[in-house]
Amino acid sequence: MTTPKPREVFIQGLTKDGRTFRPSDWAERLAGAMSCFRPGGTTAGGPGAFIGYSPYCVPRVINGVKCVIVNEALRDIEIMAWDFVMNFARDNELQVTEACLLPEAPPKPGA
């Protein structure tokens, strides 16, 4: 039996030696640079449009650490965008983890 490939890569705001990466808004900047990569049929422009992150590259705080979660679908959509985020992590010696973020369990009735 083979193990399925991870669906997401977590770029953590910690360097390989454990230091917090700076500037403090690095995750928002990186995800913002990838905001134009969206699923087919959705656009970032037009009347009433707002600025938002791509679902393929989103900033999050996990256990108090800023991260960027990169969906591996980005690799299939635009390999240069994938290379950009992965090279950013490598060049800045950031910790990278391959995983799959599981959805939160629905609340139990009566809880």
PDB file of N, CA and C in Angstrom:
ATOM      1  N   MET A   1       0.847  -1.174   0.000  1.00  0.00           N
ATOM      2  CA  MET A   1       0.000   0.000   0.000  1.00  0.00           C
ATOM      3  C   MET A   1       0.894   1.239   0.000  1.00  0.00           C
ATOM      4  N   THR A   2       0.565   2.206  -0.846  1.00  0.00           N
ATOM      5  CA  THR A   2       1.361   3.429  -0.910  1.00  0.00           C
ATOM      6  C   THR A   2       0.696   4.532  -0.108  1.00  0.00           C
ATOM      7  N   THR A   3       1.516   5.390   0.429  1.00  0.00           N
ATOM      8  CA  THR A   3       1.027   6.533   1.181  1.00  0.00           C
ATOM      9  C   THR A   3       0.723   7.669   0.211  1.00  0.00           C
ATOM     10  N   PRO A   4      -0.467   8.288   0.315  1.00  0.00           N
ATOM     11  CA  PRO A   4      -0.765   9.390  -0.594  1.00  0.00           C
ATOM     12  C   PRO A   4       0.192  10.561  -0.369  1.00  0.00           C
ATOM     13  N   LYS A   5       0.452  11.289  -1.460  1.00  0.00           N
ATOM     14  CA  LYS A   5       1.343  12.444  -1.358  1.00  0.00           C
ATOM     15  C   LYS A   5       0.697  13.538  -0.512  1.00  0.00           C
ATOM     16  N   PRO A   6       1.488  14.307   0.201  1.00  0.00           N
ATOM     17  CA  PRO A   6       0.928  15.418   0.970  1.00  0.00           C
ATOM     18  C   PRO A   6       0.251  16.404   0.034  1.00  0.00           C
ATOM     19  N   ARG A   7      -0.773  17.016   0.520  1.00  0.00           N
ATOM     20  CA  ARG A   7      -1.493  17.975  -0.302  1.00  0.00           C
ATOM     21  C   ARG A   7      -1.083  19.410  -0.007  1.00  0.00           C
ATOM     22  N   GLU A   8      -0.336  19.627   1.058  1.00  0.00           N
ATOM     23  CA  GLU A   8       0.059  20.983   1.424  1.00  0.00           C
ATOM     24  C   GLU A   8       1.476  21.006   1.974  1.00  0.00           C
ATOM     25  N   VAL A   9       2.111  22.152   1.774  1.00  0.00           N
ATOM     26  CA  VAL A   9       3.443  22.385   2.326  1.00  0.00           C
ATOM     27  C   VAL A   9       3.312  23.575   3.276  1.00  0.00           C
ATOM     28  N   PHE A  10       3.833  23.420   4.477  1.00  0.00           N
ATOM     29  CA  PHE A  10       3.782  24.479   5.485  1.00  0.00           C
ATOM     30  C   PHE A  10       5.161  25.124   5.563  1.00  0.00           C
ATOM     31  N   ILE A  11       5.245  26.374   5.147  1.00  0.00           N
ATOM     32  CA  ILE A  11       6.484  27.134   5.292  1.00  0.00           C
ATOM     33  C   ILE A  11       6.351  27.893   6.613  1.00  0.00           C
ATOM     34  N   GLN A  12       7.195  27.557   7.553  1.00  0.00           N
ATOM     35  CA  GLN A  12       7.096  28.136   8.885  1.00  0.00           C
ATOM     36  C   GLN A  12       8.016  29.340   9.038  1.00  0.00           C
ATOM     37  N   GLY A  13       7.596  30.272   9.834  1.00  0.00           N
ATOM     38  CA  GLY A  13       8.375  31.480  10.084  1.00  0.00           C
ATOM     39  C   GLY A  13       9.473  31.270  11.102  1.00  0.00           C
ATOM     40  N   LEU A  14      10.096  30.116  11.042  1.00  0.00           N
ATOM     41  CA  LEU A  14      11.238  29.791  11.896  1.00  0.00           C
ATOM     42  C   LEU A  14      12.375  29.342  10.994  1.00  0.00           C
ATOM     43  N   THR A  15      13.564  29.870  11.252  1.00  0.00           N
ATOM     44  CA  THR A  15      14.721  29.431  10.473  1.00  0.00           C
ATOM     45  C   THR A  15      15.131  28.039  10.951  1.00  0.00           C
ATOM     46  N   LYS A  16      15.979  27.401  10.184  1.00  0.00           N
ATOM     47  CA  LYS A  16      16.407  26.047  10.541  1.00  0.00           C
ATOM     48  C   LYS A  16      17.112  25.993  11.881  1.00  0.00           C
ATOM     49  N   ASP A  17      17.673  27.132  12.326  1.00  0.00           N
ATOM     50  CA  ASP A  17      18.308  27.152  13.651  1.00  0.00           C
ATOM     51  C   ASP A  17      17.356  27.646  14.740  1.00  0.00           C
ATOM     52  N   GLY A  18      16.053  27.784  14.411  1.00  0.00           N
ATOM     53  CA  GLY A  18      15.039  28.082  15.416  1.00  0.00           C
ATOM     54  C   GLY A  18      14.725  29.544  15.657  1.00  0.00           C
ATOM     55  N   ARG A  19      15.360  30.451  14.919  1.00  0.00           N
ATOM     56  CA  ARG A  19      15.075  31.878  15.107  1.00  0.00           C
ATOM     57  C   ARG A  19      13.793  32.286  14.378  1.00  0.00           C
ATOM     58  N   THR A  20      13.072  33.257  14.929  1.00  0.00           N
ATOM     59  CA  THR A  20      11.878  33.796  14.281  1.00  0.00           C
ATOM     60  C   THR A  20      12.299  34.604  13.068  1.00  0.00           C
ATOM     61  N   PHE A  21      11.665  34.328  11.927  1.00  0.00           N
ATOM     62  CA  PHE A  21      11.998  35.014  10.681  1.00  0.00           C
ATOM     63  C   PHE A  21      11.399  36.413  10.684  1.00  0.00           C
ATOM     64  N   ARG A  22      12.144  37.361  10.178  1.00  0.00           N
ATOM     65  CA  ARG A  22      11.717  38.758  10.058  1.00  0.00           C
ATOM     66  C   ARG A  22      11.789  39.183   8.612  1.00  0.00           C
ATOM     67  N   PRO A  23      10.973  40.101   8.152  1.00  0.00           N
ATOM     68  CA  PRO A  23      10.086  40.990   8.902  1.00  0.00           C
ATOM     69  C   PRO A  23       8.834  40.252   9.375  1.00  0.00           C
ATOM     70  N   SER A  24       8.143  40.852  10.323  1.00  0.00           N
ATOM     71  CA  SER A  24       7.008  40.178  10.947  1.00  0.00           C
ATOM     72  C   SER A  24       5.853  39.947   9.978  1.00  0.00           C
ATOM     73  N   ASP A  25       5.789  40.670   8.867  1.00  0.00           N
ATOM     74  CA  ASP A  25       4.698  40.485   7.904  1.00  0.00           C
ATOM     75  C   ASP A  25       5.116  39.653   6.692  1.00  0.00           C
ATOM     76  N   TRP A  26       6.158  38.842   6.816  1.00  0.00           N
ATOM     77  CA  TRP A  26       6.672  38.073   5.691  1.00  0.00           C
ATOM     78  C   TRP A  26       5.607  37.160   5.094  1.00  0.00           C
ATOM     79  N   ALA A  27       4.773  36.537   5.946  1.00  0.00           N
ATOM     80  CA  ALA A  27       3.777  35.579   5.458  1.00  0.00           C
ATOM     81  C   ALA A  27       2.722  36.271   4.605  1.00  0.00           C
ATOM     82  N   GLU A  28       2.273  37.422   5.050  1.00  0.00           N
ATOM     83  CA  GLU A  28       1.277  38.179   4.291  1.00  0.00           C
ATOM     84  C   GLU A  28       1.863  38.662   2.962  1.00  0.00           C
ATOM     85  N   ARG A  29       3.126  39.062   2.978  1.00  0.00           N
ATOM     86  CA  ARG A  29       3.776  39.519   1.744  1.00  0.00           C
ATOM     87  C   ARG A  29       3.924  38.373   0.745  1.00  0.00           C
ATOM     88  N   LEU A  30       4.376  37.224   1.210  1.00  0.00           N
ATOM     89  CA  LEU A  30       4.560  36.083   0.320  1.00  0.00           C
ATOM     90  C   LEU A  30       3.220  35.621  -0.247  1.00  0.00           C
ATOM     91  N   ALA A  31       2.218  35.476   0.608  1.00  0.00           N
ATOM     92  CA  ALA A  31       0.894  35.062   0.143  1.00  0.00           C
ATOM     93  C   ALA A  31       0.287  36.120  -0.782  1.00  0.00           C
ATOM     94  N   GLY A  32       0.540  37.390  -0.497  1.00  0.00           N
ATOM     95  CA  GLY A  32       0.040  38.456  -1.363  1.00  0.00           C
ATOM     96  C   GLY A  32       0.633  38.391  -2.753  1.00  0.00           C
ATOM     97  N   ALA A  33       1.894  38.027  -2.851  1.00  0.00           N
ATOM     98  CA  ALA A  33       2.549  37.908  -4.158  1.00  0.00           C
ATOM     99  C   ALA A  33       1.935  36.775  -4.976  1.00  0.00           C
ATOM    100  N   MET A  34       1.322  35.814  -4.318  1.00  0.00           N
ATOM    101  CA  MET A  34       0.707  34.677  -5.005  1.00  0.00           C
ATOM    102  C   MET A  34      -0.801  34.834  -5.172  1.00  0.00           C
ATOM    103  N   SER A  35      -1.357  35.997  -4.815  1.00  0.00           N
ATOM    104  CA  SER A  35      -2.812  36.174  -4.787  1.00  0.00           C
ATOM    105  C   SER A  35      -3.490  36.024  -6.144  1.00  0.00           C
ATOM    106  N   CYS A  36      -2.766  36.188  -7.233  1.00  0.00           N
ATOM    107  CA  CYS A  36      -3.393  36.090  -8.553  1.00  0.00           C
ATOM    108  C   CYS A  36      -3.616  34.646  -8.994  1.00  0.00           C
ATOM    109  N   PHE A  37      -3.059  33.674  -8.305  1.00  0.00           N
ATOM    110  CA  PHE A  37      -3.241  32.278  -8.691  1.00  0.00           C
ATOM    111  C   PHE A  37      -4.475  31.729  -7.991  1.00  0.00           C
ATOM    112  N   ARG A  38      -5.552  31.573  -8.796  1.00  0.00           N
ATOM    113  CA  ARG A  38      -6.844  31.176  -8.259  1.00  0.00           C
ATOM    114  C   ARG A  38      -7.430  30.039  -9.084  1.00  0.00           C
ATOM    115  N   PRO A  39      -8.398  29.332  -8.507  1.00  0.00           N
ATOM    116  CA  PRO A  39      -9.047  28.268  -9.279  1.00  0.00           C
ATOM    117  C   PRO A  39      -9.702  28.826 -10.532  1.00  0.00           C
ATOM    118  N   GLY A  40      -9.853  27.998 -11.557  1.00  0.00           N
ATOM    119  CA  GLY A  40     -10.495  28.428 -12.788  1.00  0.00           C
ATOM    120  C   GLY A  40     -11.879  28.988 -12.534  1.00  0.00           C
ATOM    121  N   GLY A  41     -12.197  30.060 -13.239  1.00  0.00           N
ATOM    122  CA  GLY A  41     -13.512  30.660 -13.109  1.00  0.00           C
ATOM    123  C   GLY A  41     -13.600  31.762 -12.080  1.00  0.00           C
ATOM    124  N   THR A  42     -12.593  31.934 -11.250  1.00  0.00           N
ATOM    125  CA  THR A  42     -12.629  33.035 -10.289  1.00  0.00           C
ATOM    126  C   THR A  42     -11.571  34.046 -10.673  1.00  0.00           C
ATOM    127  N   THR A  43     -11.865  35.290 -10.429  1.00  0.00           N
ATOM    128  CA  THR A  43     -10.926  36.356 -10.765  1.00  0.00           C
ATOM    129  C   THR A  43     -10.724  37.245  -9.572  1.00  0.00           C
ATOM    130  N   ALA A  44      -9.651  37.983  -9.624  1.00  0.00           N
ATOM    131  CA  ALA A  44      -9.348  38.905  -8.526  1.00  0.00           C
ATOM    132  C   ALA A  44      -9.792  40.324  -8.859  1.00  0.00           C
ATOM    133  N   GLY A  45     -10.344  40.544 -10.031  1.00  0.00           N
ATOM    134  CA  GLY A  45     -10.705  41.897 -10.428  1.00  0.00           C
ATOM    135  C   GLY A  45     -12.184  42.021 -10.740  1.00  0.00           C
ATOM    136  N   GLY A  46     -12.565  43.201 -11.206  1.00  0.00           N
ATOM    137  CA  GLY A  46     -13.945  43.440 -11.576  1.00  0.00           C
ATOM    138  C   GLY A  46     -14.663  44.299 -10.560  1.00  0.00           C
ATOM    139  N   PRO A  47     -15.889  44.706 -10.893  1.00  0.00           N
ATOM    140  CA  PRO A  47     -16.660  45.553  -9.983  1.00  0.00           C
ATOM    141  C   PRO A  47     -16.889  44.868  -8.638  1.00  0.00           C
ATOM    142  N   GLY A  48     -16.687  45.607  -7.587  1.00  0.00           N
ATOM    143  CA  GLY A  48     -16.906  45.084  -6.247  1.00  0.00           C
ATOM    144  C   GLY A  48     -15.851  44.101  -5.785  1.00  0.00           C
ATOM    145  N   ALA A  49     -14.767  43.969  -6.533  1.00  0.00           N
ATOM    146  CA  ALA A  49     -13.716  43.020  -6.159  1.00  0.00           C
ATOM    147  C   ALA A  49     -12.982  43.503  -4.914  1.00  0.00           C
ATOM    148  N   PHE A  50     -12.409  42.586  -4.212  1.00  0.00           N
ATOM    149  CA  PHE A  50     -11.620  42.913  -3.039  1.00  0.00           C
ATOM    150  C   PHE A  50     -10.296  42.171  -3.130  1.00  0.00           C
ATOM    151  N   ILE A  51      -9.348  42.648  -2.369  1.00  0.00           N
ATOM    152  CA  ILE A  51      -8.046  41.994  -2.340  1.00  0.00           C
ATOM    153  C   ILE A  51      -8.156  40.783  -1.420  1.00  0.00           C
ATOM    154  N   GLY A  52      -7.656  39.666  -1.896  1.00  0.00           N
ATOM    155  CA  GLY A  52      -7.703  38.458  -1.083  1.00  0.00           C
ATOM    156  C   GLY A  52      -6.569  37.542  -1.459  1.00  0.00           C
ATOM    157  N   TYR A  53      -6.353  36.539  -0.645  1.00  0.00           N
ATOM    158  CA  TYR A  53      -5.292  35.580  -0.894  1.00  0.00           C
ATOM    159  C   TYR A  53      -5.795  34.462  -1.801  1.00  0.00           C
ATOM    160  N   SER A  54      -4.879  33.872  -2.516  1.00  0.00           N
ATOM    161  CA  SER A  54      -5.182  32.696  -3.316  1.00  0.00           C
ATOM    162  C   SER A  54      -5.454  31.533  -2.370  1.00  0.00           C
ATOM    163  N   PRO A  55      -6.400  30.665  -2.712  1.00  0.00           N
ATOM    164  CA  PRO A  55      -6.608  29.488  -1.863  1.00  0.00           C
ATOM    165  C   PRO A  55      -5.431  28.514  -1.925  1.00  0.00           C
ATOM    166  N   TYR A  56      -4.509  28.727  -2.851  1.00  0.00           N
ATOM    167  CA  TYR A  56      -3.346  27.861  -2.987  1.00  0.00           C
ATOM    168  C   TYR A  56      -2.166  28.306  -2.133  1.00  0.00           C
ATOM    169  N   CYS A  57      -2.239  29.501  -1.550  1.00  0.00           N
ATOM    170  CA  CYS A  57      -1.100  30.038  -0.791  1.00  0.00           C
ATOM    171  C   CYS A  57      -1.645  31.029   0.239  1.00  0.00           C
ATOM    172  N   VAL A  58      -1.849  30.562   1.468  1.00  0.00           N
ATOM    173  CA  VAL A  58      -2.496  31.405   2.477  1.00  0.00           C
ATOM    174  C   VAL A  58      -1.636  31.529   3.740  1.00  0.00           C
ATOM    175  N   PRO A  59      -1.626  32.723   4.318  1.00  0.00           N
ATOM    176  CA  PRO A  59      -0.908  32.901   5.587  1.00  0.00           C
ATOM    177  C   PRO A  59      -1.777  32.420   6.750  1.00  0.00           C
ATOM    178  N   ARG A  60      -1.149  31.845   7.738  1.00  0.00           N
ATOM    179  CA  ARG A  60      -1.830  31.378   8.945  1.00  0.00           C
ATOM    180  C   ARG A  60      -0.864  31.487  10.120  1.00  0.00           C
ATOM    181  N   VAL A  61      -1.423  31.485  11.316  1.00  0.00           N
ATOM    182  CA  VAL A  61      -0.622  31.361  12.539  1.00  0.00           C
ATOM    183  C   VAL A  61      -0.995  30.021  13.143  1.00  0.00           C
ATOM    184  N   ILE A  62      -0.009  29.155  13.307  1.00  0.00           N
ATOM    185  CA  ILE A  62      -0.233  27.825  13.867  1.00  0.00           C
ATOM    186  C   ILE A  62       0.661  27.665  15.082  1.00  0.00           C
ATOM    187  N   ASN A  63       0.039  27.431  16.214  1.00  0.00           N
ATOM    188  CA  ASN A  63       0.766  27.311  17.485  1.00  0.00           C
ATOM    189  C   ASN A  63       1.683  28.505  17.725  1.00  0.00           C
ATOM    190  N   GLY A  64       1.188  29.703  17.391  1.00  0.00           N
ATOM    191  CA  GLY A  64       1.934  30.928  17.629  1.00  0.00           C
ATOM    192  C   GLY A  64       3.031  31.221  16.615  1.00  0.00           C
ATOM    193  N   VAL A  65       3.142  30.403  15.559  1.00  0.00           N
ATOM    194  CA  VAL A  65       4.183  30.592  14.545  1.00  0.00           C
ATOM    195  C   VAL A  65       3.521  30.986  13.227  1.00  0.00           C
ATOM    196  N   LYS A  66       3.982  32.096  12.641  1.00  0.00           N
ATOM    197  CA  LYS A  66       3.476  32.485  11.326  1.00  0.00           C
ATOM    198  C   LYS A  66       3.911  31.454  10.304  1.00  0.00           C
ATOM    199  N   CYS A  67       2.981  31.104   9.418  1.00  0.00           N
ATOM    200  CA  CYS A  67       3.239  30.116   8.376  1.00  0.00           C
ATOM    201  C   CYS A  67       2.578  30.568   7.082  1.00  0.00           C
ATOM    202  N   VAL A  68       3.010  29.983   5.995  1.00  0.00           N
ATOM    203  CA  VAL A  68       2.297  30.072   4.736  1.00  0.00           C
ATOM    204  C   VAL A  68       2.010  28.642   4.324  1.00  0.00           C
ATOM    205  N   ILE A  69       0.735  28.360   4.083  1.00  0.00           N
ATOM    206  CA  ILE A  69       0.339  27.026   3.658  1.00  0.00           C
ATOM    207  C   ILE A  69       0.187  27.066   2.144  1.00  0.00           C
ATOM    208  N   VAL A  70       0.983  26.241   1.474  1.00  0.00           N
ATOM    209  CA  VAL A  70       1.001  26.210   0.012  1.00  0.00           C
ATOM    210  C   VAL A  70       0.419  24.886  -0.443  1.00  0.00           C
ATOM    211  N   ASN A  71      -0.668  24.948  -1.190  1.00  0.00           N
ATOM    212  CA  ASN A  71      -1.295  23.748  -1.728  1.00  0.00           C
ATOM    213  C   ASN A  71      -0.489  23.277  -2.921  1.00  0.00           C
ATOM    214  N   GLU A  72      -0.224  21.969  -2.992  1.00  0.00           N
ATOM    215  CA  GLU A  72       0.610  21.471  -4.079  1.00  0.00           C
ATOM    216  C   GLU A  72      -0.070  21.593  -5.442  1.00  0.00           C
ATOM    217  N   ALA A  73      -1.350  21.925  -5.485  1.00  0.00           N
ATOM    218  CA  ALA A  73      -2.026  22.183  -6.760  1.00  0.00           C
ATOM    219  C   ALA A  73      -1.374  23.368  -7.474  1.00  0.00           C
ATOM    220  N   LEU A  74      -0.748  24.273  -6.723  1.00  0.00           N
ATOM    221  CA  LEU A  74      -0.056  25.413  -7.328  1.00  0.00           C
ATOM    222  C   LEU A  74       1.026  24.937  -8.287  1.00  0.00           C
ATOM    223  N   ARG A  75       1.674  23.835  -7.977  1.00  0.00           N
ATOM    224  CA  ARG A  75       2.730  23.286  -8.834  1.00  0.00           C
ATOM    225  C   ARG A  75       2.173  22.950 -10.221  1.00  0.00           C
ATOM    226  N   ASP A  76       0.952  22.402 -10.257  1.00  0.00           N
ATOM    227  CA  ASP A  76       0.344  22.042 -11.536  1.00  0.00           C
ATOM    228  C   ASP A  76      -0.190  23.257 -12.294  1.00  0.00           C
ATOM    229  N   ILE A  77      -0.616  24.272 -11.554  1.00  0.00           N
ATOM    230  CA  ILE A  77      -1.170  25.473 -12.183  1.00  0.00           C
ATOM    231  C   ILE A  77      -0.073  26.345 -12.781  1.00  0.00           C
ATOM    232  N   GLU A  78       0.996  26.569 -11.992  1.00  0.00           N
ATOM    233  CA  GLU A  78       2.090  27.428 -12.453  1.00  0.00           C
ATOM    234  C   GLU A  78       3.363  27.029 -11.723  1.00  0.00           C
ATOM    235  N   ILE A  79       4.185  26.261 -12.406  1.00  0.00           N
ATOM    236  CA  ILE A  79       5.415  25.739 -11.801  1.00  0.00           C
ATOM    237  C   ILE A  79       6.345  26.855 -11.349  1.00  0.00           C
ATOM    238  N   MET A  80       6.350  27.988 -12.053  1.00  0.00           N
ATOM    239  CA  MET A  80       7.230  29.094 -11.644  1.00  0.00           C
ATOM    240  C   MET A  80       6.772  29.702 -10.319  1.00  0.00           C
ATOM    241  N   ALA A  81       5.468  29.742 -10.064  1.00  0.00           N
ATOM    242  CA  ALA A  81       4.958  30.245  -8.782  1.00  0.00           C
ATOM    243  C   ALA A  81       5.355  29.280  -7.661  1.00  0.00           C
ATOM    244  N   TRP A  82       5.213  27.980  -7.925  1.00  0.00           N
ATOM    245  CA  TRP A  82       5.626  26.968  -6.951  1.00  0.00           C
ATOM    246  C   TRP A  82       7.112  27.110  -6.628  1.00  0.00           C
ATOM    247  N   ASP A  83       7.922  27.215  -7.678  1.00  0.00           N
ATOM    248  CA  ASP A  83       9.362  27.373  -7.487  1.00  0.00           C
ATOM    249  C   ASP A  83       9.682  28.632  -6.697  1.00  0.00           C
ATOM    250  N   PHE A  84       8.943  29.705  -6.954  1.00  0.00           N
ATOM    251  CA  PHE A  84       9.173  30.971  -6.250  1.00  0.00           C
ATOM    252  C   PHE A  84       9.003  30.793  -4.740  1.00  0.00           C
ATOM    253  N   VAL A  85       7.878  30.199  -4.312  1.00  0.00           N
ATOM    254  CA  VAL A  85       7.651  30.062  -2.870  1.00  0.00           C
ATOM    255  C   VAL A  85       8.616  29.063  -2.239  1.00  0.00           C
ATOM    256  N   MET A  86       8.930  27.990  -2.958  1.00  0.00           N
ATOM    257  CA  MET A  86       9.848  27.013  -2.393  1.00  0.00           C
ATOM    258  C   MET A  86      11.283  27.557  -2.335  1.00  0.00           C
ATOM    259  N   ASN A  87      11.673  28.326  -3.336  1.00  0.00           N
ATOM    260  CA  ASN A  87      12.997  28.958  -3.307  1.00  0.00           C
ATOM    261  C   ASN A  87      13.069  30.028  -2.225  1.00  0.00           C
ATOM    262  N   PHE A  88      11.960  30.737  -1.979  1.00  0.00           N
ATOM    263  CA  PHE A  88      11.916  31.716  -0.890  1.00  0.00           C
ATOM    264  C   PHE A  88      12.228  31.020   0.435  1.00  0.00           C
ATOM    265  N   ALA A  89      11.571  29.885   0.654  1.00  0.00           N
ATOM    266  CA  ALA A  89      11.802  29.129   1.895  1.00  0.00           C
ATOM    267  C   ALA A  89      13.245  28.654   1.982  1.00  0.00           C
ATOM    268  N   ARG A  90      13.766  28.110   0.894  1.00  0.00           N
ATOM    269  CA  ARG A  90      15.140  27.600   0.896  1.00  0.00           C
ATOM    270  C   ARG A  90      16.150  28.728   1.095  1.00  0.00           C
ATOM    271  N   ASP A  91      15.995  29.823   0.341  1.00  0.00           N
ATOM    272  CA  ASP A  91      16.950  30.929   0.413  1.00  0.00           C
ATOM    273  C   ASP A  91      16.994  31.578   1.797  1.00  0.00           C
ATOM    274  N   ASN A  92      15.848  31.552   2.506  1.00  0.00           N
ATOM    275  CA  ASN A  92      15.785  32.152   3.833  1.00  0.00           C
ATOM    276  C   ASN A  92      15.931  31.123   4.951  1.00  0.00           C
ATOM    277  N   GLU A  93      16.274  29.894   4.564  1.00  0.00           N
ATOM    278  CA  GLU A  93      16.498  28.795   5.505  1.00  0.00           C
ATOM    279  C   GLU A  93      15.331  28.600   6.460  1.00  0.00           C
ATOM    280  N   LEU A  94      14.103  28.640   5.897  1.00  0.00           N
ATOM    281  CA  LEU A  94      12.908  28.454   6.708  1.00  0.00           C
ATOM    282  C   LEU A  94      12.567  26.976   6.815  1.00  0.00           C
ATOM    283  N   GLN A  95      11.955  26.616   7.922  1.00  0.00           N
ATOM    284  CA  GLN A  95      11.528  25.245   8.125  1.00  0.00           C
ATOM    285  C   GLN A  95      10.310  24.965   7.246  1.00  0.00           C
ATOM    286  N   VAL A  96      10.336  23.838   6.555  1.00  0.00           N
ATOM    287  CA  VAL A  96       9.250  23.443   5.656  1.00  0.00           C
ATOM    288  C   VAL A  96       8.785  22.050   6.058  1.00  0.00           C
ATOM    289  N   THR A  97       7.473  21.893   6.165  1.00  0.00           N
ATOM    290  CA  THR A  97       6.880  20.613   6.525  1.00  0.00           C
ATOM    291  C   THR A  97       5.819  20.253   5.500  1.00  0.00           C
ATOM    292  N   GLU A  98       5.845  19.018   5.036  1.00  0.00           N
ATOM    293  CA  GLU A  98       4.798  18.541   4.145  1.00  0.00           C
ATOM    294  C   GLU A  98       3.747  17.860   5.002  1.00  0.00           C
ATOM    295  N   ALA A  99       2.483  18.230   4.777  1.00  0.00           N
ATOM    296  CA  ALA A  99       1.403  17.675   5.581  1.00  0.00           C
ATOM    297  C   ALA A  99       0.086  17.929   4.881  1.00  0.00           C
ATOM    298  N   CYS A 100      -0.956  17.608   5.576  1.00  0.00           N
ATOM    299  CA  CYS A 100      -2.303  17.877   5.089  1.00  0.00           C
ATOM    300  C   CYS A 100      -3.076  18.466   6.253  1.00  0.00           C
ATOM    301  N   LEU A 101      -3.524  19.700   6.111  1.00  0.00           N
ATOM    302  CA  LEU A 101      -4.299  20.346   7.161  1.00  0.00           C
ATOM    303  C   LEU A 101      -5.689  19.755   7.149  1.00  0.00           C
ATOM    304  N   LEU A 102      -6.094  19.161   8.262  1.00  0.00           N
ATOM    305  CA  LEU A 102      -7.396  18.547   8.336  1.00  0.00           C
ATOM    306  C   LEU A 102      -8.439  19.571   8.755  1.00  0.00           C
ATOM    307  N   PRO A 103      -9.637  19.471   8.190  1.00  0.00           N
ATOM    308  CA  PRO A 103     -10.691  20.411   8.592  1.00  0.00           C
ATOM    309  C   PRO A 103     -11.051  20.178  10.047  1.00  0.00           C
ATOM    310  N   GLU A 104     -11.528  21.222  10.684  1.00  0.00           N
ATOM    311  CA  GLU A 104     -11.950  21.093  12.073  1.00  0.00           C
ATOM    312  C   GLU A 104     -13.182  20.224  12.137  1.00  0.00           C
ATOM    313  N   ALA A 105     -13.289  19.447  13.201  1.00  0.00           N
ATOM    314  CA  ALA A 105     -14.461  18.597  13.383  1.00  0.00           C
ATOM    315  C   ALA A 105     -15.673  19.475  13.672  1.00  0.00           C
ATOM    316  N   PRO A 106     -16.837  19.100  13.155  1.00  0.00           N
ATOM    317  CA  PRO A 106     -18.029  19.893  13.450  1.00  0.00           C
ATOM    318  C   PRO A 106     -18.348  19.813  14.930  1.00  0.00           C
ATOM    319  N   PRO A 107     -18.956  20.854  15.481  1.00  0.00           N
ATOM    320  CA  PRO A 107     -19.280  20.813  16.906  1.00  0.00           C
ATOM    321  C   PRO A 107     -20.277  19.696  17.207  1.00  0.00           C
ATOM    322  N   LYS A 108     -20.104  19.103  18.369  1.00  0.00           N
ATOM    323  CA  LYS A 108     -21.019  18.021  18.780  1.00  0.00           C
ATOM    324  C   LYS A 108     -22.343  18.625  19.222  1.00  0.00           C
ATOM    325  N   PRO A 109     -23.438  17.971  18.899  1.00  0.00           N
ATOM    326  CA  PRO A 109     -24.739  18.484  19.328  1.00  0.00           C
ATOM    327  C   PRO A 109     -24.799  18.630  20.847  1.00  0.00           C
ATOM    328  N   GLY A 110     -25.324  19.746  21.277  1.00  0.00           N
ATOM    329  CA  GLY A 110     -25.475  20.008  22.708  1.00  0.00           C
ATOM    330  C   GLY A 110     -24.202  20.484  23.374  1.00  0.00           C
ATOM    331  N   ALA A 111     -23.146  20.720  22.593  1.00  0.00           N
ATOM    332  CA  ALA A 111     -21.883  21.151  23.203  1.00  0.00           C
ATOM    333  C   ALA A 111     -21.797  22.642  23.240  1.00  0.00           C
TER     334      ALA A 111
END
